[in-house]
Amino acid sequence: MNCEVCGETDSMSYTCSRCGETYCVSHRLPESHECIGLAVEKAQREAIRAEGGEIPWYEDESEQPLSEGRESANQNSQSELWPNTILLVLVTLLAVLGLGYLALGFLGGVL
């Protein structure tokens, strides 16, 4: 495919996700080919800022504020950790007791 900027034919062509055009390695980034899609996106962000709105970090952020998502994730993680922690302590305790028993068994035969 031919690059829309320089016309170079390259086996590694890239299609811009913002404008949909095809570019070579040198022009694959939106900033490198003066992407109209990037210009539109920047203009939309500036309009949102001018109106006093917030710009989300990613697409789905507008559905759930970041702080709420973190709090609920932390609560779920903490409540799920207790059973795993208890299980880990019990398994470790059993392993230590088992090794101690085996060690005493071997030592008991020697003594």
PDB file of N, CA and C in Angstrom:
ATOM      1  N   MET A   1       0.844  -1.177   0.000  1.00  0.00           N
ATOM      2  CA  MET A   1       0.000   0.000   0.000  1.00  0.00           C
ATOM      3  C   MET A   1       0.887   1.238   0.000  1.00  0.00           C
ATOM      4  N   ASN A   2       0.414   2.270  -0.597  1.00  0.00           N
ATOM      5  CA  ASN A   2       1.164   3.514  -0.689  1.00  0.00           C
ATOM      6  C   ASN A   2       0.830   4.447   0.465  1.00  0.00           C
ATOM      7  N   CYS A   3       1.872   5.060   1.009  1.00  0.00           N
ATOM      8  CA  CYS A   3       1.713   6.042   2.080  1.00  0.00           C
ATOM      9  C   CYS A   3       1.014   7.277   1.521  1.00  0.00           C
ATOM     10  N   GLU A   4       0.047   7.787   2.260  1.00  0.00           N
ATOM     11  CA  GLU A   4      -0.705   8.967   1.836  1.00  0.00           C
ATOM     12  C   GLU A   4       0.139  10.239   1.853  1.00  0.00           C
ATOM     13  N   VAL A   5       1.251  10.250   2.604  1.00  0.00           N
ATOM     14  CA  VAL A   5       2.091  11.447   2.699  1.00  0.00           C
ATOM     15  C   VAL A   5       3.194  11.436   1.653  1.00  0.00           C
ATOM     16  N   CYS A   6       4.006  10.353   1.648  1.00  0.00           N
ATOM     17  CA  CYS A   6       5.183  10.335   0.778  1.00  0.00           C
ATOM     18  C   CYS A   6       5.010   9.435  -0.443  1.00  0.00           C
ATOM     19  N   GLY A   7       3.969   8.619  -0.477  1.00  0.00           N
ATOM     20  CA  GLY A   7       3.732   7.737  -1.606  1.00  0.00           C
ATOM     21  C   GLY A   7       4.576   6.481  -1.607  1.00  0.00           C
ATOM     22  N   GLU A   8       5.388   6.284  -0.569  1.00  0.00           N
ATOM     23  CA  GLU A   8       6.256   5.119  -0.490  1.00  0.00           C
ATOM     24  C   GLU A   8       5.432   3.841  -0.368  1.00  0.00           C
ATOM     25  N   THR A   9       5.847   2.826  -1.119  1.00  0.00           N
ATOM     26  CA  THR A   9       5.212   1.516  -1.015  1.00  0.00           C
ATOM     27  C   THR A   9       5.995   0.720   0.008  1.00  0.00           C
ATOM     28  N   ASP A  10       5.312   0.268   1.039  1.00  0.00           N
ATOM     29  CA  ASP A  10       5.980  -0.428   2.133  1.00  0.00           C
ATOM     30  C   ASP A  10       5.212  -1.700   2.463  1.00  0.00           C
ATOM     31  N   SER A  11       5.950  -2.774   2.727  1.00  0.00           N
ATOM     32  CA  SER A  11       5.288  -4.033   3.095  1.00  0.00           C
ATOM     33  C   SER A  11       4.658  -3.925   4.479  1.00  0.00           C
ATOM     34  N   MET A  12       5.173  -3.020   5.305  1.00  0.00           N
ATOM     35  CA  MET A  12       4.617  -2.776   6.636  1.00  0.00           C
ATOM     36  C   MET A  12       3.831  -1.470   6.610  1.00  0.00           C
ATOM     37  N   SER A  13       2.643  -1.503   6.103  1.00  0.00           N
ATOM     38  CA  SER A  13       1.828  -0.296   6.072  1.00  0.00           C
ATOM     39  C   SER A  13       0.947  -0.246   7.313  1.00  0.00           C
ATOM     40  N   TYR A  14       0.579   0.948   7.711  1.00  0.00           N
ATOM     41  CA  TYR A  14      -0.218   1.171   8.908  1.00  0.00           C
ATOM     42  C   TYR A  14      -1.470   1.962   8.532  1.00  0.00           C
ATOM     43  N   THR A  15      -2.588   1.574   9.115  1.00  0.00           N
ATOM     44  CA  THR A  15      -3.832   2.306   8.915  1.00  0.00           C
ATOM     45  C   THR A  15      -4.117   3.091  10.178  1.00  0.00           C
ATOM     46  N   CYS A  16      -4.264   4.381  10.037  1.00  0.00           N
ATOM     47  CA  CYS A  16      -4.509   5.260  11.176  1.00  0.00           C
ATOM     48  C   CYS A  16      -5.913   4.999  11.732  1.00  0.00           C
ATOM     49  N   SER A  17      -6.002   4.835  13.044  1.00  0.00           N
ATOM     50  CA  SER A  17      -7.299   4.574  13.673  1.00  0.00           C
ATOM     51  C   SER A  17      -8.171   5.822  13.737  1.00  0.00           C
ATOM     52  N   ARG A  18      -7.580   6.998  13.550  1.00  0.00           N
ATOM     53  CA  ARG A  18      -8.357   8.236  13.617  1.00  0.00           C
ATOM     54  C   ARG A  18      -8.901   8.677  12.256  1.00  0.00           C
ATOM     55  N   CYS A  19      -8.071   8.571  11.222  1.00  0.00           N
ATOM     56  CA  CYS A  19      -8.514   9.049   9.909  1.00  0.00           C
ATOM     57  C   CYS A  19      -8.775   7.925   8.912  1.00  0.00           C
ATOM     58  N   GLY A  20      -8.239   6.728   9.189  1.00  0.00           N
ATOM     59  CA  GLY A  20      -8.483   5.586   8.320  1.00  0.00           C
ATOM     60  C   GLY A  20      -7.577   5.492   7.105  1.00  0.00           C
ATOM     61  N   GLU A  21      -6.631   6.419   6.963  1.00  0.00           N
ATOM     62  CA  GLU A  21      -5.719   6.412   5.818  1.00  0.00           C
ATOM     63  C   GLU A  21      -4.540   5.470   6.086  1.00  0.00           C
ATOM     64  N   THR A  22      -3.820   5.108   5.015  1.00  0.00           N
ATOM     65  CA  THR A  22      -2.694   4.184   5.099  1.00  0.00           C
ATOM     66  C   THR A  22      -1.381   4.962   5.028  1.00  0.00           C
ATOM     67  N   TYR A  23      -0.423   4.572   5.905  1.00  0.00           N
ATOM     68  CA  TYR A  23       0.842   5.292   5.998  1.00  0.00           C
ATOM     69  C   TYR A  23       2.013   4.332   6.145  1.00  0.00           C
ATOM     70  N   CYS A  24       3.206   4.830   5.820  1.00  0.00           N
ATOM     71  CA  CYS A  24       4.444   4.065   5.982  1.00  0.00           C
ATOM     72  C   CYS A  24       4.908   4.157   7.438  1.00  0.00           C
ATOM     73  N   VAL A  25       6.028   3.506   7.746  1.00  0.00           N
ATOM     74  CA  VAL A  25       6.564   3.506   9.104  1.00  0.00           C
ATOM     75  C   VAL A  25       6.852   4.928   9.578  1.00  0.00           C
ATOM     76  N   SER A  26       7.401   5.750   8.710  1.00  0.00           N
ATOM     77  CA  SER A  26       7.777   7.123   9.089  1.00  0.00           C
ATOM     78  C   SER A  26       6.579   8.010   9.383  1.00  0.00           C
ATOM     79  N   HIS A  27       5.454   7.745   8.768  1.00  0.00           N
ATOM     80  CA  HIS A  27       4.275   8.605   8.917  1.00  0.00           C
ATOM     81  C   HIS A  27       3.112   7.935   9.640  1.00  0.00           C
ATOM     82  N   ARG A  28       3.357   6.826  10.344  1.00  0.00           N
ATOM     83  CA  ARG A  28       2.273   6.049  10.962  1.00  0.00           C
ATOM     84  C   ARG A  28       1.604   6.763  12.130  1.00  0.00           C
ATOM     85  N   LEU A  29       2.348   7.592  12.869  1.00  0.00           N
ATOM     86  CA  LEU A  29       1.773   8.297  14.009  1.00  0.00           C
ATOM     87  C   LEU A  29       0.919   9.472  13.540  1.00  0.00           C
ATOM     88  N   PRO A  30      -0.198   9.739  14.206  1.00  0.00           N
ATOM     89  CA  PRO A  30      -1.076  10.842  13.800  1.00  0.00           C
ATOM     90  C   PRO A  30      -0.343  12.179  13.702  1.00  0.00           C
ATOM     91  N   GLU A  31       0.608  12.419  14.609  1.00  0.00           N
ATOM     92  CA  GLU A  31       1.363  13.674  14.578  1.00  0.00           C
ATOM     93  C   GLU A  31       2.265  13.753  13.350  1.00  0.00           C
ATOM     94  N   SER A  32       2.680  12.595  12.816  1.00  0.00           N
ATOM     95  CA  SER A  32       3.602  12.571  11.687  1.00  0.00           C
ATOM     96  C   SER A  32       2.917  12.838  10.348  1.00  0.00           C
ATOM     97  N   HIS A  33       1.612  12.613  10.273  1.00  0.00           N
ATOM     98  CA  HIS A  33       0.936  12.834   8.994  1.00  0.00           C
ATOM     99  C   HIS A  33      -0.149  13.909   9.077  1.00  0.00           C
ATOM    100  N   GLU A  34      -0.057  14.757  10.108  1.00  0.00           N
ATOM    101  CA  GLU A  34      -1.014  15.846  10.284  1.00  0.00           C
ATOM    102  C   GLU A  34      -2.444  15.326  10.173  1.00  0.00           C
ATOM    103  N   CYS A  35      -2.743  14.341  10.993  1.00  0.00           N
ATOM    104  CA  CYS A  35      -4.017  13.626  10.953  1.00  0.00           C
ATOM    105  C   CYS A  35      -5.211  14.550  11.214  1.00  0.00           C
ATOM    106  N   ILE A  36      -6.162  14.521  10.318  1.00  0.00           N
ATOM    107  CA  ILE A  36      -7.374  15.322  10.471  1.00  0.00           C
ATOM    108  C   ILE A  36      -8.207  14.797  11.642  1.00  0.00           C
ATOM    109  N   GLY A  37      -8.155  13.481  11.847  1.00  0.00           N
ATOM    110  CA  GLY A  37      -8.882  12.891  12.973  1.00  0.00           C
ATOM    111  C   GLY A  37      -8.332  13.365  14.306  1.00  0.00           C
ATOM    112  N   LEU A  38      -7.010  13.508  14.400  1.00  0.00           N
ATOM    113  CA  LEU A  38      -6.388  14.014  15.613  1.00  0.00           C
ATOM    114  C   LEU A  38      -6.764  15.477  15.831  1.00  0.00           C
ATOM    115  N   ALA A  39      -6.787  16.241  14.754  1.00  0.00           N
ATOM    116  CA  ALA A  39      -7.173  17.649  14.846  1.00  0.00           C
ATOM    117  C   ALA A  39      -8.612  17.779  15.340  1.00  0.00           C
ATOM    118  N   VAL A  40      -9.506  16.934  14.840  1.00  0.00           N
ATOM    119  CA  VAL A  40     -10.908  16.970  15.267  1.00  0.00           C
ATOM    120  C   VAL A  40     -11.014  16.585  16.745  1.00  0.00           C
ATOM    121  N   GLU A  41     -10.276  15.562  17.147  1.00  0.00           N
ATOM    122  CA  GLU A  41     -10.296  15.119  18.542  1.00  0.00           C
ATOM    123  C   GLU A  41      -9.802  16.219  19.474  1.00  0.00           C
ATOM    124  N   LYS A  42      -8.722  16.888  19.098  1.00  0.00           N
ATOM    125  CA  LYS A  42      -8.203  17.989  19.913  1.00  0.00           C
ATOM    126  C   LYS A  42      -9.217  19.120  20.009  1.00  0.00           C
ATOM    127  N   ALA A  43      -9.884  19.437  18.894  1.00  0.00           N
ATOM    128  CA  ALA A  43     -10.890  20.502  18.886  1.00  0.00           C
ATOM    129  C   ALA A  43     -12.059  20.135  19.798  1.00  0.00           C
ATOM    130  N   GLN A  44     -12.481  18.880  19.766  1.00  0.00           N
ATOM    131  CA  GLN A  44     -13.568  18.427  20.635  1.00  0.00           C
ATOM    132  C   GLN A  44     -13.174  18.548  22.108  1.00  0.00           C
ATOM    133  N   ARG A  45     -11.931  18.174  22.432  1.00  0.00           N
ATOM    134  CA  ARG A  45     -11.464  18.286  23.812  1.00  0.00           C
ATOM    135  C   ARG A  45     -11.427  19.736  24.271  1.00  0.00           C
ATOM    136  N   GLU A  46     -10.959  20.615  23.395  1.00  0.00           N
ATOM    137  CA  GLU A  46     -10.913  22.040  23.733  1.00  0.00           C
ATOM    138  C   GLU A  46     -12.316  22.591  23.952  1.00  0.00           C
ATOM    139  N   ALA A  47     -13.278  22.156  23.143  1.00  0.00           N
ATOM    140  CA  ALA A  47     -14.662  22.606  23.306  1.00  0.00           C
ATOM    141  C   ALA A  47     -15.226  22.139  24.644  1.00  0.00           C
ATOM    142  N   ILE A  48     -14.913  20.914  25.022  1.00  0.00           N
ATOM    143  CA  ILE A  48     -15.378  20.380  26.307  1.00  0.00           C
ATOM    144  C   ILE A  48     -14.753  21.168  27.446  1.00  0.00           C
ATOM    145  N   ARG A  49     -13.456  21.453  27.342  1.00  0.00           N
ATOM    146  CA  ARG A  49     -12.781  22.245  28.377  1.00  0.00           C
ATOM    147  C   ARG A  49     -13.361  23.645  28.462  1.00  0.00           C
ATOM    148  N   ALA A  50     -13.661  24.253  27.322  1.00  0.00           N
ATOM    149  CA  ALA A  50     -14.210  25.607  27.289  1.00  0.00           C
ATOM    150  C   ALA A  50     -15.574  25.659  27.972  1.00  0.00           C
ATOM    151  N   GLU A  51     -16.323  24.579  27.892  1.00  0.00           N
ATOM    152  CA  GLU A  51     -17.638  24.516  28.531  1.00  0.00           C
ATOM    153  C   GLU A  51     -17.533  24.141  30.001  1.00  0.00           C
ATOM    154  N   GLY A  52     -16.310  23.858  30.477  1.00  0.00           N
ATOM    155  CA  GLY A  52     -16.106  23.495  31.871  1.00  0.00           C
ATOM    156  C   GLY A  52     -16.316  22.028  32.148  1.00  0.00           C
ATOM    157  N   GLY A  53     -16.381  21.219  31.101  1.00  0.00           N
ATOM    158  CA  GLY A  53     -16.576  19.791  31.282  1.00  0.00           C
ATOM    159  C   GLY A  53     -15.276  19.065  31.540  1.00  0.00           C
ATOM    160  N   GLU A  54     -15.407  17.817  31.997  1.00  0.00           N
ATOM    161  CA  GLU A  54     -14.238  16.985  32.248  1.00  0.00           C
ATOM    162  C   GLU A  54     -14.018  16.043  31.073  1.00  0.00           C
ATOM    163  N   ILE A  55     -12.757  15.802  30.768  1.00  0.00           N
ATOM    164  CA  ILE A  55     -12.401  14.890  29.683  1.00  0.00           C
ATOM    165  C   ILE A  55     -11.982  13.568  30.304  1.00  0.00           C
ATOM    166  N   PRO A  56     -12.676  12.481  29.983  1.00  0.00           N
ATOM    167  CA  PRO A  56     -12.329  11.185  30.581  1.00  0.00           C
ATOM    168  C   PRO A  56     -10.978  10.685  30.094  1.00  0.00           C
ATOM    169  N   TRP A  57     -10.324   9.865  30.930  1.00  0.00           N
ATOM    170  CA  TRP A  57      -9.038   9.274  30.564  1.00  0.00           C
ATOM    171  C   TRP A  57      -9.205   8.227  29.488  1.00  0.00           C
ATOM    172  N   TYR A  58     -10.329   7.537  29.508  1.00  0.00           N
ATOM    173  CA  TYR A  58     -10.610   6.511  28.509  1.00  0.00           C
ATOM    174  C   TYR A  58     -12.101   6.510  28.253  1.00  0.00           C
ATOM    175  N   GLU A  59     -12.538   5.779  27.254  1.00  0.00           N
ATOM    176  CA  GLU A  59     -13.919   5.851  26.787  1.00  0.00           C
ATOM    177  C   GLU A  59     -14.951   5.537  27.858  1.00  0.00           C
ATOM    178  N   ASP A  60     -14.753   4.489  28.657  1.00  0.00           N
ATOM    179  CA  ASP A  60     -15.769   4.051  29.602  1.00  0.00           C
ATOM    180  C   ASP A  60     -15.760   4.830  30.910  1.00  0.00           C
ATOM    181  N   GLU A  61     -14.811   5.722  31.095  1.00  0.00           N
ATOM    182  CA  GLU A  61     -14.704   6.440  32.354  1.00  0.00           C
ATOM    183  C   GLU A  61     -15.921   7.316  32.613  1.00  0.00           C
ATOM    184  N   SER A  62     -16.551   7.810  31.561  1.00  0.00           N
ATOM    185  CA  SER A  62     -17.698   8.683  31.743  1.00  0.00           C
ATOM    186  C   SER A  62     -18.865   7.943  32.398  1.00  0.00           C
ATOM    187  N   GLU A  63     -18.879   6.615  32.315  1.00  0.00           N
ATOM    188  CA  GLU A  63     -19.956   5.834  32.902  1.00  0.00           C
ATOM    189  C   GLU A  63     -19.783   5.672  34.409  1.00  0.00           C
ATOM    190  N   GLN A  64     -18.535   5.606  34.898  1.00  0.00           N
ATOM    191  CA  GLN A  64     -18.285   5.405  36.315  1.00  0.00           C
ATOM    192  C   GLN A  64     -17.070   6.216  36.720  1.00  0.00           C
ATOM    193  N   PRO A  65     -17.220   7.112  37.689  1.00  0.00           N
ATOM    194  CA  PRO A  65     -16.070   7.906  38.128  1.00  0.00           C
ATOM    195  C   PRO A  65     -14.950   7.007  38.632  1.00  0.00           C
ATOM    196  N   LEU A  66     -13.721   7.438  38.419  1.00  0.00           N
ATOM    197  CA  LEU A  66     -12.553   6.645  38.765  1.00  0.00           C
ATOM    198  C   LEU A  66     -12.505   6.338  40.254  1.00  0.00           C
ATOM    199  N   SER A  67     -12.826   7.316  41.101  1.00  0.00           N
ATOM    200  CA  SER A  67     -12.742   7.096  42.541  1.00  0.00           C
ATOM    201  C   SER A  67     -13.724   6.026  42.995  1.00  0.00           C
ATOM    202  N   GLU A  68     -14.934   6.009  42.447  1.00  0.00           N
ATOM    203  CA  GLU A  68     -15.912   4.991  42.813  1.00  0.00           C
ATOM    204  C   GLU A  68     -15.442   3.618  42.371  1.00  0.00           C
ATOM    205  N   GLY A  69     -14.882   3.527  41.208  1.00  0.00           N
ATOM    206  CA  GLY A  69     -14.399   2.249  40.705  1.00  0.00           C
ATOM    207  C   GLY A  69     -13.288   1.692  41.570  1.00  0.00           C
ATOM    208  N   ARG A  70     -12.384   2.548  42.013  1.00  0.00           N
ATOM    209  CA  ARG A  70     -11.276   2.108  42.859  1.00  0.00           C
ATOM    210  C   ARG A  70     -11.775   1.640  44.212  1.00  0.00           C
ATOM    211  N   GLU A  71     -12.718   2.408  44.812  1.00  0.00           N
ATOM    212  CA  GLU A  71     -13.222   2.039  46.137  1.00  0.00           C
ATOM    213  C   GLU A  71     -13.906   0.686  46.103  1.00  0.00           C
ATOM    214  N   SER A  72     -14.763   0.470  45.111  1.00  0.00           N
ATOM    215  CA  SER A  72     -15.463  -0.812  45.053  1.00  0.00           C
ATOM    216  C   SER A  72     -14.495  -1.951  44.745  1.00  0.00           C
ATOM    217  N   ALA A  73     -13.497  -1.690  43.922  1.00  0.00           N
ATOM    218  CA  ALA A  73     -12.506  -2.726  43.617  1.00  0.00           C
ATOM    219  C   ALA A  73     -11.696  -3.063  44.857  1.00  0.00           C
ATOM    220  N   ASN A  74     -11.334  -2.040  45.653  1.00  0.00           N
ATOM    221  CA  ASN A  74     -10.580  -2.288  46.876  1.00  0.00           C
ATOM    222  C   ASN A  74     -11.402  -3.073  47.883  1.00  0.00           C
ATOM    223  N   GLN A  75     -12.685  -2.746  48.020  1.00  0.00           N
ATOM    224  CA  GLN A  75     -13.541  -3.465  48.961  1.00  0.00           C
ATOM    225  C   GLN A  75     -13.688  -4.916  48.542  1.00  0.00           C
ATOM    226  N   ASN A  76     -13.898  -5.151  47.268  1.00  0.00           N
ATOM    227  CA  ASN A  76     -14.021  -6.525  46.786  1.00  0.00           C
ATOM    228  C   ASN A  76     -12.727  -7.286  46.997  1.00  0.00           C
ATOM    229  N   SER A  77     -11.610  -6.674  46.717  1.00  0.00           N
ATOM    230  CA  SER A  77     -10.324  -7.345  46.853  1.00  0.00           C
ATOM    231  C   SER A  77     -10.049  -7.702  48.298  1.00  0.00           C
ATOM    232  N   GLN A  78     -10.341  -6.777  49.218  1.00  0.00           N
ATOM    233  CA  GLN A  78     -10.075  -7.039  50.625  1.00  0.00           C
ATOM    234  C   GLN A  78     -10.970  -8.149  51.153  1.00  0.00           C
ATOM    235  N   SER A  79     -12.230  -8.169  50.767  1.00  0.00           N
ATOM    236  CA  SER A  79     -13.128  -9.210  51.256  1.00  0.00           C
ATOM    237  C   SER A  79     -12.766 -10.570  50.659  1.00  0.00           C
ATOM    238  N   GLU A  80     -12.194 -10.589  49.482  1.00  0.00           N
ATOM    239  CA  GLU A  80     -11.796 -11.844  48.859  1.00  0.00           C
ATOM    240  C   GLU A  80     -10.439 -12.331  49.377  1.00  0.00           C
ATOM    241  N   LEU A  81      -9.652 -11.462  49.973  1.00  0.00           N
ATOM    242  CA  LEU A  81      -8.317 -11.831  50.439  1.00  0.00           C
ATOM    243  C   LEU A  81      -8.342 -12.647  51.719  1.00  0.00           C
ATOM    244  N   TRP A  82      -9.288 -12.410  52.616  1.00  0.00           N
ATOM    245  CA  TRP A  82      -9.298 -13.103  53.902  1.00  0.00           C
ATOM    246  C   TRP A  82      -9.336 -14.616  53.768  1.00  0.00           C
ATOM    247  N   PRO A  83     -10.252 -15.189  53.002  1.00  0.00           N
ATOM    248  CA  PRO A  83     -10.248 -16.656  52.884  1.00  0.00           C
ATOM    249  C   PRO A  83      -8.930 -17.190  52.313  1.00  0.00           C
ATOM    250  N   ASN A  84      -8.373 -16.490  51.347  1.00  0.00           N
ATOM    251  CA  ASN A  84      -7.105 -16.922  50.756  1.00  0.00           C
ATOM    252  C   ASN A  84      -5.964 -16.819  51.763  1.00  0.00           C
ATOM    253  N   THR A  85      -5.967 -15.771  52.570  1.00  0.00           N
ATOM    254  CA  THR A  85      -4.927 -15.586  53.573  1.00  0.00           C
ATOM    255  C   THR A  85      -5.004 -16.692  54.628  1.00  0.00           C
ATOM    256  N   ILE A  86      -6.197 -16.980  55.090  1.00  0.00           N
ATOM    257  CA  ILE A  86      -6.378 -18.035  56.087  1.00  0.00           C
ATOM    258  C   ILE A  86      -5.932 -19.381  55.516  1.00  0.00           C
ATOM    259  N   LEU A  87      -6.316 -19.653  54.285  1.00  0.00           N
ATOM    260  CA  LEU A  87      -5.918 -20.903  53.639  1.00  0.00           C
ATOM    261  C   LEU A  87      -4.403 -20.997  53.519  1.00  0.00           C
ATOM    262  N   LEU A  88      -3.767 -19.918  53.137  1.00  0.00           N
ATOM    263  CA  LEU A  88      -2.310 -19.899  53.006  1.00  0.00           C
ATOM    264  C   LEU A  88      -1.628 -20.153  54.342  1.00  0.00           C
ATOM    265  N   VAL A  89      -2.124 -19.546  55.422  1.00  0.00           N
ATOM    266  CA  VAL A  89      -1.549 -19.753  56.749  1.00  0.00           C
ATOM    267  C   VAL A  89      -1.712 -21.207  57.169  1.00  0.00           C
ATOM    268  N   LEU A  90      -2.884 -21.789  56.933  1.00  0.00           N
ATOM    269  CA  LEU A  90      -3.113 -23.186  57.310  1.00  0.00           C
ATOM    270  C   LEU A  90      -2.223 -24.144  56.533  1.00  0.00           C
ATOM    271  N   VAL A  91      -2.088 -23.928  55.250  1.00  0.00           N
ATOM    272  CA  VAL A  91      -1.236 -24.797  54.432  1.00  0.00           C
ATOM    273  C   VAL A  91       0.219 -24.680  54.874  1.00  0.00           C
ATOM    274  N   THR A  92       0.667 -23.470  55.161  1.00  0.00           N
ATOM    275  CA  THR A  92       2.041 -23.260  55.621  1.00  0.00           C
ATOM    276  C   THR A  92       2.274 -23.950  56.968  1.00  0.00           C
ATOM    277  N   LEU A  93       1.305 -23.813  57.866  1.00  0.00           N
ATOM    278  CA  LEU A  93       1.405 -24.450  59.174  1.00  0.00           C
ATOM    279  C   LEU A  93       1.471 -25.968  59.049  1.00  0.00           C
ATOM    280  N   LEU A  94       0.620 -26.531  58.212  1.00  0.00           N
ATOM    281  CA  LEU A  94       0.633 -27.977  58.000  1.00  0.00           C
ATOM    282  C   LEU A  94       1.952 -28.437  57.382  1.00  0.00           C
ATOM    283  N   ALA A  95       2.484 -27.658  56.458  1.00  0.00           N
ATOM    284  CA  ALA A  95       3.758 -28.022  55.829  1.00  0.00           C
ATOM    285  C   ALA A  95       4.879 -28.008  56.858  1.00  0.00           C
ATOM    286  N   VAL A  96       4.910 -26.996  57.727  1.00  0.00           N
ATOM    287  CA  VAL A  96       5.954 -26.899  58.751  1.00  0.00           C
ATOM    288  C   VAL A  96       5.821 -28.056  59.739  1.00  0.00           C
ATOM    289  N   LEU A  97       4.590 -28.338  60.173  1.00  0.00           N
ATOM    290  CA  LEU A  97       4.369 -29.453  61.101  1.00  0.00           C
ATOM    291  C   LEU A  97       4.747 -30.791  60.463  1.00  0.00           C
ATOM    292  N   GLY A  98       4.385 -30.951  59.197  1.00  0.00           N
ATOM    293  CA  GLY A  98       4.723 -32.186  58.491  1.00  0.00           C
ATOM    294  C   GLY A  98       6.218 -32.374  58.353  1.00  0.00           C
ATOM    295  N   LEU A  99       6.917 -31.321  58.015  1.00  0.00           N
ATOM    296  CA  LEU A  99       8.377 -31.402  57.906  1.00  0.00           C
ATOM    297  C   LEU A  99       9.015 -31.662  59.264  1.00  0.00           C
ATOM    298  N   GLY A 100       8.468 -31.031  60.294  1.00  0.00           N
ATOM    299  CA  GLY A 100       8.977 -31.265  61.645  1.00  0.00           C
ATOM    300  C   GLY A 100       8.767 -32.709  62.067  1.00  0.00           C
ATOM    301  N   TYR A 101       7.617 -33.257  61.759  1.00  0.00           N
ATOM    302  CA  TYR A 101       7.319 -34.650  62.090  1.00  0.00           C
ATOM    303  C   TYR A 101       8.271 -35.593  61.364  1.00  0.00           C
ATOM    304  N   LEU A 102       8.489 -35.320  60.081  1.00  0.00           N
ATOM    305  CA  LEU A 102       9.414 -36.148  59.304  1.00  0.00           C
ATOM    306  C   LEU A 102      10.831 -36.052  59.861  1.00  0.00           C
ATOM    307  N   ALA A 103      11.238 -34.850  60.228  1.00  0.00           N
ATOM    308  CA  ALA A 103      12.582 -34.655  60.769  1.00  0.00           C
ATOM    309  C   ALA A 103      12.738 -35.399  62.092  1.00  0.00           C
ATOM    310  N   LEU A 104      11.717 -35.328  62.950  1.00  0.00           N
ATOM    311  CA  LEU A 104      11.774 -36.047  64.220  1.00  0.00           C
ATOM    312  C   LEU A 104      11.745 -37.551  63.996  1.00  0.00           C
ATOM    313  N   GLY A 105      11.013 -37.985  63.015  1.00  0.00           N
ATOM    314  CA  GLY A 105      10.963 -39.414  62.700  1.00  0.00           C
ATOM    315  C   GLY A 105      12.324 -39.925  62.280  1.00  0.00           C
ATOM    316  N   PHE A 106      13.005 -39.164  61.439  1.00  0.00           N
ATOM    317  CA  PHE A 106      14.337 -39.592  61.005  1.00  0.00           C
ATOM    318  C   PHE A 106      15.318 -39.520  62.148  1.00  0.00           C
ATOM    319  N   LEU A 107      15.213 -38.444  62.950  1.00  0.00           N
ATOM    320  CA  LEU A 107      16.123 -38.303  64.079  1.00  0.00           C
ATOM    321  C   LEU A 107      15.831 -39.363  65.152  1.00  0.00           C
ATOM    322  N   GLY A 108      14.536 -39.709  65.312  1.00  0.00           N
ATOM    323  CA  GLY A 108      14.167 -40.708  66.295  1.00  0.00           C
ATOM    324  C   GLY A 108      14.770 -42.072  65.950  1.00  0.00           C
ATOM    325  N   GLY A 109      14.878 -42.378  64.666  1.00  0.00           N
ATOM    326  CA  GLY A 109      15.478 -43.643  64.256  1.00  0.00           C
ATOM    327  C   GLY A 109      16.977 -43.633  64.455  1.00  0.00           C
ATOM    328  N   VAL A 110      17.579 -42.442  64.382  1.00  0.00           N
ATOM    329  CA  VAL A 110      19.017 -42.317  64.538  1.00  0.00           C
ATOM    330  C   VAL A 110      19.386 -42.328  66.000  1.00  0.00           C
ATOM    331  N   LEU A 111      18.553 -41.688  66.809  1.00  0.00           N
ATOM    332  CA  LEU A 111      18.865 -41.580  68.249  1.00  0.00           C
ATOM    333  C   LEU A 111      18.625 -42.847  68.920  1.00  0.00           C
TER     334      LEU A 111
END
